[in-house]
Amino acid sequence: AESTPQEEQTTHSVPTTFDGANGSHGTMFDVISRGAATPDDPPTITSVTSLHIHVNLPSSQQPSVHSSPVLVYTRLGTHRGHEAKPSEWTLIFNSTVETAGFAKPTWL
């Protein structure tokens, strides 16, 4: 009987700052798969399984829990050079979420 390679699952985190008041209303980043080590290896599949965000509300609106609209987009290839081209992006998440509050991660 032929044996099939088992899927190797590795989890990585990509930390970012929770500093506020930087004028940002989102973050763009690239996910790059390293691929197979040799041509005989099975292809590498990379997936993002969760995200967390920081919602920095003005102090006059800072309740312990707040609802905020969140949109997440994706595209094949790098984000560089495509930041201001909405037609090149696919919306994959559009919902109102209950935020965890200032300086706390809100999981999507």
PDB file of N, CA and C in Angstrom:
ATOM      1  N   ALA A   1       0.842  -1.181   0.000  1.00  0.00           N
ATOM      2  CA  ALA A   1       0.000   0.000   0.000  1.00  0.00           C
ATOM      3  C   ALA A   1       0.884   1.240   0.000  1.00  0.00           C
ATOM      4  N   GLU A   2       0.457   2.227  -0.766  1.00  0.00           N
ATOM      5  CA  GLU A   2       1.195   3.494  -0.811  1.00  0.00           C
ATOM      6  C   GLU A   2       0.881   4.323   0.415  1.00  0.00           C
ATOM      7  N   SER A   3       1.890   4.960   0.933  1.00  0.00           N
ATOM      8  CA  SER A   3       1.627   5.886   2.040  1.00  0.00           C
ATOM      9  C   SER A   3       1.581   7.300   1.480  1.00  0.00           C
ATOM     10  N   THR A   4       0.723   8.096   2.059  1.00  0.00           N
ATOM     11  CA  THR A   4       0.629   9.496   1.640  1.00  0.00           C
ATOM     12  C   THR A   4       1.232  10.361   2.730  1.00  0.00           C
ATOM     13  N   PRO A   5       1.924  11.422   2.339  1.00  0.00           N
ATOM     14  CA  PRO A   5       2.539  12.281   3.359  1.00  0.00           C
ATOM     15  C   PRO A   5       1.472  12.926   4.221  1.00  0.00           C
ATOM     16  N   GLN A   6       1.762  13.020   5.495  1.00  0.00           N
ATOM     17  CA  GLN A   6       0.837  13.694   6.406  1.00  0.00           C
ATOM     18  C   GLN A   6       1.043  15.193   6.279  1.00  0.00           C
ATOM     19  N   GLU A   7      -0.071  15.899   6.446  1.00  0.00           N
ATOM     20  CA  GLU A   7       0.010  17.354   6.402  1.00  0.00           C
ATOM     21  C   GLU A   7       0.731  17.860   7.637  1.00  0.00           C
ATOM     22  N   GLU A   8       1.691  18.685   7.423  1.00  0.00           N
ATOM     23  CA  GLU A   8       2.380  19.318   8.543  1.00  0.00           C
ATOM     24  C   GLU A   8       1.708  20.645   8.799  1.00  0.00           C
ATOM     25  N   GLN A   9       1.264  20.842  10.022  1.00  0.00           N
ATOM     26  CA  GLN A   9       0.616  22.099  10.357  1.00  0.00           C
ATOM     27  C   GLN A   9       1.509  22.896  11.287  1.00  0.00           C
ATOM     28  N   THR A  10       1.777  24.106  10.893  1.00  0.00           N
ATOM     29  CA  THR A  10       2.593  25.001  11.677  1.00  0.00           C
ATOM     30  C   THR A  10       1.817  26.283  11.880  1.00  0.00           C
ATOM     31  N   THR A  11       1.823  26.787  13.075  1.00  0.00           N
ATOM     32  CA  THR A  11       1.115  28.019  13.374  1.00  0.00           C
ATOM     33  C   THR A  11       2.123  29.129  13.632  1.00  0.00           C
ATOM     34  N   HIS A  12       1.892  30.251  12.998  1.00  0.00           N
ATOM     35  CA  HIS A  12       2.743  31.419  13.193  1.00  0.00           C
ATOM     36  C   HIS A  12       1.868  32.624  13.498  1.00  0.00           C
ATOM     37  N   SER A  13       2.374  33.516  14.298  1.00  0.00           N
ATOM     38  CA  SER A  13       1.700  34.774  14.581  1.00  0.00           C
ATOM     39  C   SER A  13       2.507  35.904  13.972  1.00  0.00           C
ATOM     40  N   VAL A  14       1.818  36.920  13.526  1.00  0.00           N
ATOM     41  CA  VAL A  14       2.469  38.109  12.994  1.00  0.00           C
ATOM     42  C   VAL A  14       2.020  39.275  13.865  1.00  0.00           C
ATOM     43  N   PRO A  15       2.817  39.628  14.868  1.00  0.00           N
ATOM     44  CA  PRO A  15       2.401  40.703  15.774  1.00  0.00           C
ATOM     45  C   PRO A  15       2.538  42.073  15.127  1.00  0.00           C
ATOM     46  N   THR A  16       1.725  42.985  15.596  1.00  0.00           N
ATOM     47  CA  THR A  16       1.795  44.371  15.172  1.00  0.00           C
ATOM     48  C   THR A  16       1.513  45.244  16.386  1.00  0.00           C
ATOM     49  N   THR A  17       1.643  46.511  16.236  1.00  0.00           N
ATOM     50  CA  THR A  17       1.463  47.419  17.355  1.00  0.00           C
ATOM     51  C   THR A  17      -0.008  47.706  17.631  1.00  0.00           C
ATOM     52  N   PHE A  18      -0.315  48.026  18.860  1.00  0.00           N
ATOM     53  CA  PHE A  18      -1.645  48.513  19.228  1.00  0.00           C
ATOM     54  C   PHE A  18      -1.579  50.007  19.526  1.00  0.00           C
ATOM     55  N   ASP A  19      -0.483  50.653  19.093  1.00  0.00           N
ATOM     56  CA  ASP A  19      -0.375  52.092  19.291  1.00  0.00           C
ATOM     57  C   ASP A  19      -1.513  52.771  18.558  1.00  0.00           C
ATOM     58  N   GLY A  20      -2.102  53.748  19.193  1.00  0.00           N
ATOM     59  CA  GLY A  20      -3.218  54.463  18.578  1.00  0.00           C
ATOM     60  C   GLY A  20      -2.776  55.818  18.054  1.00  0.00           C
ATOM     61  N   ALA A  21      -3.734  56.542  17.498  1.00  0.00           N
ATOM     62  CA  ALA A  21      -3.548  57.910  17.022  1.00  0.00           C
ATOM     63  C   ALA A  21      -2.482  58.026  15.937  1.00  0.00           C
ATOM     64  N   ASN A  22      -2.329  56.976  15.127  1.00  0.00           N
ATOM     65  CA  ASN A  22      -1.342  57.054  14.046  1.00  0.00           C
ATOM     66  C   ASN A  22      -2.006  57.361  12.703  1.00  0.00           C
ATOM     67  N   GLY A  23      -3.324  57.598  12.722  1.00  0.00           N
ATOM     68  CA  GLY A  23      -4.026  57.967  11.503  1.00  0.00           C
ATOM     69  C   GLY A  23      -4.358  56.800  10.595  1.00  0.00           C
ATOM     70  N   SER A  24      -4.072  55.596  11.035  1.00  0.00           N
ATOM     71  CA  SER A  24      -4.318  54.415  10.213  1.00  0.00           C
ATOM     72  C   SER A  24      -5.738  53.908  10.412  1.00  0.00           C
ATOM     73  N   HIS A  25      -6.330  53.469   9.345  1.00  0.00           N
ATOM     74  CA  HIS A  25      -7.665  52.874   9.410  1.00  0.00           C
ATOM     75  C   HIS A  25      -7.629  51.484   8.801  1.00  0.00           C
ATOM     76  N   GLY A  26      -6.537  50.786   8.991  1.00  0.00           N
ATOM     77  CA  GLY A  26      -6.403  49.445   8.464  1.00  0.00           C
ATOM     78  C   GLY A  26      -4.954  49.083   8.265  1.00  0.00           C
ATOM     79  N   THR A  27      -4.729  47.820   7.976  1.00  0.00           N
ATOM     80  CA  THR A  27      -3.385  47.320   7.763  1.00  0.00           C
ATOM     81  C   THR A  27      -3.387  46.426   6.539  1.00  0.00           C
ATOM     82  N   MET A  28      -2.376  46.561   5.718  1.00  0.00           N
ATOM     83  CA  MET A  28      -2.202  45.672   4.578  1.00  0.00           C
ATOM     84  C   MET A  28      -0.919  44.894   4.782  1.00  0.00           C
ATOM     85  N   PHE A  29      -0.948  43.612   4.421  1.00  0.00           N
ATOM     86  CA  PHE A  29       0.243  42.784   4.542  1.00  0.00           C
ATOM     87  C   PHE A  29       0.175  41.663   3.521  1.00  0.00           C
ATOM     88  N   ASP A  30       1.319  41.106   3.169  1.00  0.00           N
ATOM     89  CA  ASP A  30       1.409  39.988   2.242  1.00  0.00           C
ATOM     90  C   ASP A  30       1.657  38.704   3.028  1.00  0.00           C
ATOM     91  N   VAL A  31       1.048  37.614   2.598  1.00  0.00           N
ATOM     92  CA  VAL A  31       1.323  36.289   3.130  1.00  0.00           C
ATOM     93  C   VAL A  31       2.031  35.529   2.011  1.00  0.00           C
ATOM     94  N   ILE A  32       3.241  35.061   2.304  1.00  0.00           N
ATOM     95  CA  ILE A  32       4.046  34.392   1.288  1.00  0.00           C
ATOM     96  C   ILE A  32       4.304  32.959   1.731  1.00  0.00           C
ATOM     97  N   SER A  33       3.931  32.012   0.890  1.00  0.00           N
ATOM     98  CA  SER A  33       4.178  30.598   1.167  1.00  0.00           C
ATOM     99  C   SER A  33       5.560  30.241   0.623  1.00  0.00           C
ATOM    100  N   ARG A  34       6.318  29.508   1.387  1.00  0.00           N
ATOM    101  CA  ARG A  34       7.671  29.138   0.953  1.00  0.00           C
ATOM    102  C   ARG A  34       7.663  28.074  -0.134  1.00  0.00           C
ATOM    103  N   GLY A  35       6.588  27.332  -0.252  1.00  0.00           N
ATOM    104  CA  GLY A  35       6.508  26.301  -1.284  1.00  0.00           C
ATOM    105  C   GLY A  35       7.194  25.016  -0.872  1.00  0.00           C
ATOM    106  N   ALA A  36       7.161  24.051  -1.753  1.00  0.00           N
ATOM    107  CA  ALA A  36       7.757  22.744  -1.495  1.00  0.00           C
ATOM    108  C   ALA A  36       9.272  22.841  -1.525  1.00  0.00           C
ATOM    109  N   ALA A  37       9.929  22.019  -0.708  1.00  0.00           N
ATOM    110  CA  ALA A  37      11.393  22.020  -0.652  1.00  0.00           C
ATOM    111  C   ALA A  37      12.000  21.417  -1.911  1.00  0.00           C
ATOM    112  N   THR A  38      11.338  20.404  -2.479  1.00  0.00           N
ATOM    113  CA  THR A  38      11.805  19.784  -3.717  1.00  0.00           C
ATOM    114  C   THR A  38      10.603  19.599  -4.646  1.00  0.00           C
ATOM    115  N   PRO A  39      10.831  19.379  -5.926  1.00  0.00           N
ATOM    116  CA  PRO A  39       9.710  19.169  -6.853  1.00  0.00           C
ATOM    117  C   PRO A  39       8.850  17.951  -6.500  1.00  0.00           C
ATOM    118  N   ASP A  40       9.415  16.980  -5.770  1.00  0.00           N
ATOM    119  CA  ASP A  40       8.651  15.786  -5.397  1.00  0.00           C
ATOM    120  C   ASP A  40       7.787  15.989  -4.155  1.00  0.00           C
ATOM    121  N   ASP A  41       8.005  17.072  -3.430  1.00  0.00           N
ATOM    122  CA  ASP A  41       7.209  17.353  -2.233  1.00  0.00           C
ATOM    123  C   ASP A  41       5.812  17.833  -2.616  1.00  0.00           C
ATOM    124  N   PRO A  42       4.824  17.552  -1.754  1.00  0.00           N
ATOM    125  CA  PRO A  42       3.482  18.068  -2.040  1.00  0.00           C
ATOM    126  C   PRO A  42       3.481  19.596  -1.943  1.00  0.00           C
ATOM    127  N   PRO A  43       2.549  20.247  -2.632  1.00  0.00           N
ATOM    128  CA  PRO A  43       2.510  21.712  -2.577  1.00  0.00           C
ATOM    129  C   PRO A  43       2.209  22.192  -1.165  1.00  0.00           C
ATOM    130  N   THR A  44       2.724  23.356  -0.838  1.00  0.00           N
ATOM    131  CA  THR A  44       2.476  23.960   0.458  1.00  0.00           C
ATOM    132  C   THR A  44       1.221  24.802   0.375  1.00  0.00           C
ATOM    133  N   ILE A  45       0.334  24.620   1.330  1.00  0.00           N
ATOM    134  CA  ILE A  45      -0.895  25.409   1.390  1.00  0.00           C
ATOM    135  C   ILE A  45      -0.797  26.303   2.611  1.00  0.00           C
ATOM    136  N   THR A  46      -0.988  27.571   2.405  1.00  0.00           N
ATOM    137  CA  THR A  46      -0.938  28.533   3.493  1.00  0.00           C
ATOM    138  C   THR A  46      -2.313  29.147   3.651  1.00  0.00           C
ATOM    139  N   SER A  47      -2.801  29.193   4.875  1.00  0.00           N
ATOM    140  CA  SER A  47      -4.094  29.823   5.115  1.00  0.00           C
ATOM    141  C   SER A  47      -4.048  30.673   6.374  1.00  0.00           C
ATOM    142  N   VAL A  48      -4.785  31.755   6.327  1.00  0.00           N
ATOM    143  CA  VAL A  48      -4.966  32.619   7.489  1.00  0.00           C
ATOM    144  C   VAL A  48      -6.256  32.157   8.151  1.00  0.00           C
ATOM    145  N   THR A  49      -6.158  31.740   9.402  1.00  0.00           N
ATOM    146  CA  THR A  49      -7.327  31.181  10.079  1.00  0.00           C
ATOM    147  C   THR A  49      -7.978  32.136  11.058  1.00  0.00           C
ATOM    148  N   SER A  50      -7.280  33.199  11.437  1.00  0.00           N
ATOM    149  CA  SER A  50      -7.896  34.193  12.320  1.00  0.00           C
ATOM    150  C   SER A  50      -7.112  35.497  12.249  1.00  0.00           C
ATOM    151  N   LEU A  51      -7.788  36.544  12.599  1.00  0.00           N
ATOM    152  CA  LEU A  51      -7.190  37.876  12.682  1.00  0.00           C
ATOM    153  C   LEU A  51      -7.708  38.541  13.942  1.00  0.00           C
ATOM    154  N   HIS A  52      -6.915  39.432  14.491  1.00  0.00           N
ATOM    155  CA  HIS A  52      -7.469  40.307  15.524  1.00  0.00           C
ATOM    156  C   HIS A  52      -7.092  41.726  15.176  1.00  0.00           C
ATOM    157  N   ILE A  53      -7.950  42.637  15.598  1.00  0.00           N
ATOM    158  CA  ILE A  53      -7.798  44.044  15.260  1.00  0.00           C
ATOM    159  C   ILE A  53      -7.811  44.882  16.529  1.00  0.00           C
ATOM    160  N   HIS A  54      -7.367  46.106  16.400  1.00  0.00           N
ATOM    161  CA  HIS A  54      -7.434  47.075  17.491  1.00  0.00           C
ATOM    162  C   HIS A  54      -8.351  48.198  17.051  1.00  0.00           C
ATOM    163  N   VAL A  55      -9.381  48.439  17.827  1.00  0.00           N
ATOM    164  CA  VAL A  55     -10.308  49.522  17.531  1.00  0.00           C
ATOM    165  C   VAL A  55     -10.049  50.622  18.541  1.00  0.00           C
ATOM    166  N   ASN A  56      -9.558  51.760  18.065  1.00  0.00           N
ATOM    167  CA  ASN A  56      -9.207  52.887  18.926  1.00  0.00           C
ATOM    168  C   ASN A  56     -10.263  53.963  18.752  1.00  0.00           C
ATOM    169  N   LEU A  57     -11.214  54.000  19.669  1.00  0.00           N
ATOM    170  CA  LEU A  57     -12.292  54.985  19.602  1.00  0.00           C
ATOM    171  C   LEU A  57     -11.886  56.257  20.326  1.00  0.00           C
ATOM    172  N   PRO A  58     -12.434  57.419  19.922  1.00  0.00           N
ATOM    173  CA  PRO A  58     -12.192  58.642  20.695  1.00  0.00           C
ATOM    174  C   PRO A  58     -12.655  58.445  22.137  1.00  0.00           C
ATOM    175  N   SER A  59     -11.950  59.031  23.092  1.00  0.00           N
ATOM    176  CA  SER A  59     -12.236  58.795  24.508  1.00  0.00           C
ATOM    177  C   SER A  59     -13.673  59.127  24.887  1.00  0.00           C
ATOM    178  N   SER A  60     -14.309  60.079  24.236  1.00  0.00           N
ATOM    179  CA  SER A  60     -15.694  60.420  24.558  1.00  0.00           C
ATOM    180  C   SER A  60     -16.651  59.293  24.154  1.00  0.00           C
ATOM    181  N   GLN A  61     -16.198  58.384  23.295  1.00  0.00           N
ATOM    182  CA  GLN A  61     -17.030  57.275  22.845  1.00  0.00           C
ATOM    183  C   GLN A  61     -16.477  55.941  23.336  1.00  0.00           C
ATOM    184  N   GLN A  62     -15.714  55.918  24.402  1.00  0.00           N
ATOM    185  CA  GLN A  62     -15.002  54.716  24.810  1.00  0.00           C
ATOM    186  C   GLN A  62     -15.769  53.889  25.843  1.00  0.00           C
ATOM    187  N   PRO A  63     -16.836  53.218  25.442  1.00  0.00           N
ATOM    188  CA  PRO A  63     -17.481  52.305  26.382  1.00  0.00           C
ATOM    189  C   PRO A  63     -16.634  51.038  26.512  1.00  0.00           C
ATOM    190  N   SER A  64     -16.976  50.185  27.456  1.00  0.00           N
ATOM    191  CA  SER A  64     -16.200  48.950  27.618  1.00  0.00           C
ATOM    192  C   SER A  64     -16.426  48.003  26.438  1.00  0.00           C
ATOM    193  N   VAL A  65     -17.595  48.059  25.813  1.00  0.00           N
ATOM    194  CA  VAL A  65     -17.862  47.261  24.626  1.00  0.00           C
ATOM    195  C   VAL A  65     -18.516  48.163  23.594  1.00  0.00           C
ATOM    196  N   HIS A  66     -18.096  48.018  22.362  1.00  0.00           N
ATOM    197  CA  HIS A  66     -18.604  48.869  21.292  1.00  0.00           C
ATOM    198  C   HIS A  66     -18.735  48.047  20.021  1.00  0.00           C
ATOM    199  N   SER A  67     -19.751  48.342  19.236  1.00  0.00           N
ATOM    200  CA  SER A  67     -19.895  47.690  17.936  1.00  0.00           C
ATOM    201  C   SER A  67     -19.173  48.512  16.883  1.00  0.00           C
ATOM    202  N   SER A  68     -18.490  47.832  15.993  1.00  0.00           N
ATOM    203  CA  SER A  68     -17.766  48.530  14.934  1.00  0.00           C
ATOM    204  C   SER A  68     -17.866  47.728  13.637  1.00  0.00           C
ATOM    205  N   PRO A  69     -18.111  48.410  12.511  1.00  0.00           N
ATOM    206  CA  PRO A  69     -18.106  47.687  11.240  1.00  0.00           C
ATOM    207  C   PRO A  69     -16.675  47.299  10.866  1.00  0.00           C
ATOM    208  N   VAL A  70     -16.512  46.102  10.313  1.00  0.00           N
ATOM    209  CA  VAL A  70     -15.192  45.610   9.898  1.00  0.00           C
ATOM    210  C   VAL A  70     -15.318  45.003   8.510  1.00  0.00           C
ATOM    211  N   LEU A  71     -14.404  45.386   7.640  1.00  0.00           N
ATOM    212  CA  LEU A  71     -14.328  44.810   6.299  1.00  0.00           C
ATOM    213  C   LEU A  71     -12.930  44.245   6.108  1.00  0.00           C
ATOM    214  N   VAL A  72     -12.842  43.039   5.545  1.00  0.00           N
ATOM    215  CA  VAL A  72     -11.555  42.409   5.249  1.00  0.00           C
ATOM    216  C   VAL A  72     -11.553  42.053   3.767  1.00  0.00           C
ATOM    217  N   TYR A  73     -10.488  42.460   3.095  1.00  0.00           N
ATOM    218  CA  TYR A  73     -10.329  42.201   1.660  1.00  0.00           C
ATOM    219  C   TYR A  73      -9.105  41.339   1.423  1.00  0.00           C
ATOM    220  N   THR A  74      -9.090  40.668   0.287  1.00  0.00           N
ATOM    221  CA  THR A  74      -7.930  39.879  -0.107  1.00  0.00           C
ATOM    222  C   THR A  74      -7.681  40.058  -1.606  1.00  0.00           C
ATOM    223  N   ARG A  75      -6.487  39.700  -2.021  1.00  0.00           N
ATOM    224  CA  ARG A  75      -6.172  39.677  -3.455  1.00  0.00           C
ATOM    225  C   ARG A  75      -5.014  38.710  -3.654  1.00  0.00           C
ATOM    226  N   LEU A  76      -4.937  38.144  -4.842  1.00  0.00           N
ATOM    227  CA  LEU A  76      -3.826  37.267  -5.183  1.00  0.00           C
ATOM    228  C   LEU A  76      -2.650  38.145  -5.581  1.00  0.00           C
ATOM    229  N   GLY A  77      -1.507  37.910  -4.987  1.00  0.00           N
ATOM    230  CA  GLY A  77      -0.334  38.743  -5.265  1.00  0.00           C
ATOM    231  C   GLY A  77      -0.142  39.783  -4.177  1.00  0.00           C
ATOM    232  N   THR A  78       0.877  40.584  -4.335  1.00  0.00           N
ATOM    233  CA  THR A  78       1.214  41.587  -3.329  1.00  0.00           C
ATOM    234  C   THR A  78       0.183  42.705  -3.260  1.00  0.00           C
ATOM    235  N   HIS A  79       0.132  43.347  -2.099  1.00  0.00           N
ATOM    236  CA  HIS A  79      -0.740  44.523  -1.956  1.00  0.00           C
ATOM    237  C   HIS A  79      -0.040  45.779  -2.492  1.00  0.00           C
ATOM    238  N   ARG A  80       1.282  45.721  -2.564  1.00  0.00           N
ATOM    239  CA  ARG A  80       2.057  46.901  -2.968  1.00  0.00           C
ATOM    240  C   ARG A  80       1.710  47.317  -4.399  1.00  0.00           C
ATOM    241  N   GLY A  81       1.394  48.570  -4.536  1.00  0.00           N
ATOM    242  CA  GLY A  81       1.014  49.112  -5.833  1.00  0.00           C
ATOM    243  C   GLY A  81      -0.469  48.947  -6.144  1.00  0.00           C
ATOM    244  N   HIS A  82      -1.204  48.320  -5.231  1.00  0.00           N
ATOM    245  CA  HIS A  82      -2.630  48.067  -5.454  1.00  0.00           C
ATOM    246  C   HIS A  82      -3.486  48.642  -4.325  1.00  0.00           C
ATOM    247  N   GLU A  83      -2.878  49.393  -3.427  1.00  0.00           N
ATOM    248  CA  GLU A  83      -3.576  49.910  -2.254  1.00  0.00           C
ATOM    249  C   GLU A  83      -4.798  50.750  -2.626  1.00  0.00           C
ATOM    250  N   ALA A  84      -4.727  51.518  -3.679  1.00  0.00           N
ATOM    251  CA  ALA A  84      -5.805  52.441  -4.049  1.00  0.00           C
ATOM    252  C   ALA A  84      -6.566  51.972  -5.293  1.00  0.00           C
ATOM    253  N   LYS A  85      -6.597  50.664  -5.507  1.00  0.00           N
ATOM    254  CA  LYS A  85      -7.299  50.108  -6.672  1.00  0.00           C
ATOM    255  C   LYS A  85      -8.382  49.140  -6.184  1.00  0.00           C
ATOM    256  N   PRO A  86      -9.528  49.649  -5.728  1.00  0.00           N
ATOM    257  CA  PRO A  86     -10.555  48.797  -5.121  1.00  0.00           C
ATOM    258  C   PRO A  86     -11.051  47.668  -6.012  1.00  0.00           C
ATOM    259  N   SER A  87     -11.041  47.846  -7.318  1.00  0.00           N
ATOM    260  CA  SER A  87     -11.549  46.807  -8.216  1.00  0.00           C
ATOM    261  C   SER A  87     -10.657  45.561  -8.225  1.00  0.00           C
ATOM    262  N   GLU A  88      -9.437  45.657  -7.683  1.00  0.00           N
ATOM    263  CA  GLU A  88      -8.505  44.532  -7.677  1.00  0.00           C
ATOM    264  C   GLU A  88      -8.571  43.713  -6.388  1.00  0.00           C
ATOM    265  N   TRP A  89      -9.526  44.038  -5.522  1.00  0.00           N
ATOM    266  CA  TRP A  89      -9.642  43.374  -4.224  1.00  0.00           C
ATOM    267  C   TRP A  89     -10.967  42.626  -4.127  1.00  0.00           C
ATOM    268  N   THR A  90     -10.991  41.555  -3.326  1.00  0.00           N
ATOM    269  CA  THR A  90     -12.207  40.776  -3.085  1.00  0.00           C
ATOM    270  C   THR A  90     -12.578  40.886  -1.608  1.00  0.00           C
ATOM    271  N   LEU A  91     -13.797  41.307  -1.346  1.00  0.00           N
ATOM    272  CA  LEU A  91     -14.293  41.405   0.025  1.00  0.00           C
ATOM    273  C   LEU A  91     -14.584  40.001   0.547  1.00  0.00           C
ATOM    274  N   ILE A  92     -13.967  39.627   1.685  1.00  0.00           N
ATOM    275  CA  ILE A  92     -14.185  38.286   2.243  1.00  0.00           C
ATOM    276  C   ILE A  92     -14.838  38.322   3.620  1.00  0.00           C
ATOM    277  N   PHE A  93     -14.926  39.508   4.232  1.00  0.00           N
ATOM    278  CA  PHE A  93     -15.563  39.629   5.546  1.00  0.00           C
ATOM    279  C   PHE A  93     -16.184  41.005   5.630  1.00  0.00           C
ATOM    280  N   ASN A  94     -17.463  41.067   5.985  1.00  0.00           N
ATOM    281  CA  ASN A  94     -18.175  42.333   6.125  1.00  0.00           C
ATOM    282  C   ASN A  94     -19.190  42.144   7.235  1.00  0.00           C
ATOM    283  N   SER A  95     -18.866  42.634   8.423  1.00  0.00           N
ATOM    284  CA  SER A  95     -19.741  42.412   9.564  1.00  0.00           C
ATOM    285  C   SER A  95     -19.518  43.496  10.613  1.00  0.00           C
ATOM    286  N   THR A  96     -20.477  43.632  11.491  1.00  0.00           N
ATOM    287  CA  THR A  96     -20.322  44.489  12.659  1.00  0.00           C
ATOM    288  C   THR A  96     -19.906  43.588  13.811  1.00  0.00           C
ATOM    289  N   VAL A  97     -18.814  43.935  14.479  1.00  0.00           N
ATOM    290  CA  VAL A  97     -18.293  43.102  15.562  1.00  0.00           C
ATOM    291  C   VAL A  97     -18.337  43.875  16.880  1.00  0.00           C
ATOM    292  N   GLU A  98     -18.445  43.122  17.956  1.00  0.00           N
ATOM    293  CA  GLU A  98     -18.347  43.704  19.291  1.00  0.00           C
ATOM    294  C   GLU A  98     -16.869  43.800  19.623  1.00  0.00           C
ATOM    295  N   THR A  99     -16.378  45.017  19.824  1.00  0.00           N
ATOM    296  CA  THR A  99     -14.953  45.203  20.069  1.00  0.00           C
ATOM    297  C   THR A  99     -14.614  44.950  21.530  1.00  0.00           C
ATOM    298  N   ALA A 100     -13.370  44.583  21.781  1.00  0.00           N
ATOM    299  CA  ALA A 100     -12.922  44.256  23.133  1.00  0.00           C
ATOM    300  C   ALA A 100     -12.527  45.489  23.930  1.00  0.00           C
ATOM    301  N   GLY A 101     -12.370  46.633  23.281  1.00  0.00           N
ATOM    302  CA  GLY A 101     -11.983  47.853  23.977  1.00  0.00           C
ATOM    303  C   GLY A 101     -10.560  48.267  23.664  1.00  0.00           C
ATOM    304  N   PHE A 102     -10.209  49.438  24.133  1.00  0.00           N
ATOM    305  CA  PHE A 102      -8.912  50.039  23.858  1.00  0.00           C
ATOM    306  C   PHE A 102      -7.769  49.132  24.318  1.00  0.00           C
ATOM    307  N   ALA A 103      -6.776  48.955  23.448  1.00  0.00           N
ATOM    308  CA  ALA A 103      -5.550  48.188  23.718  1.00  0.00           C
ATOM    309  C   ALA A 103      -5.804  46.710  23.973  1.00  0.00           C
ATOM    310  N   LYS A 104      -6.951  46.202  23.519  1.00  0.00           N
ATOM    311  CA  LYS A 104      -7.272  44.778  23.668  1.00  0.00           C
ATOM    312  C   LYS A 104      -7.586  44.222  22.274  1.00  0.00           C
ATOM    313  N   PRO A 105      -7.126  43.010  21.976  1.00  0.00           N
ATOM    314  CA  PRO A 105      -7.413  42.442  20.655  1.00  0.00           C
ATOM    315  C   PRO A 105      -8.880  42.053  20.500  1.00  0.00           C
ATOM    316  N   THR A 106      -9.436  42.399  19.359  1.00  0.00           N
ATOM    317  CA  THR A 106     -10.776  41.969  18.981  1.00  0.00           C
ATOM    318  C   THR A 106     -10.603  40.906  17.908  1.00  0.00           C
ATOM    319  N   TRP A 107     -11.031  39.693  18.201  1.00  0.00           N
ATOM    320  CA  TRP A 107     -10.845  38.571  17.275  1.00  0.00           C
ATOM    321  C   TRP A 107     -11.939  38.557  16.221  1.00  0.00           C
ATOM    322  N   LEU A 108     -11.543  38.290  14.990  1.00  0.00           N
ATOM    323  CA  LEU A 108     -12.508  38.161  13.895  1.00  0.00           C
ATOM    324  C   LEU A 108     -12.685  36.693  13.573  1.00  0.00           C
TER     325      LEU A 108
END
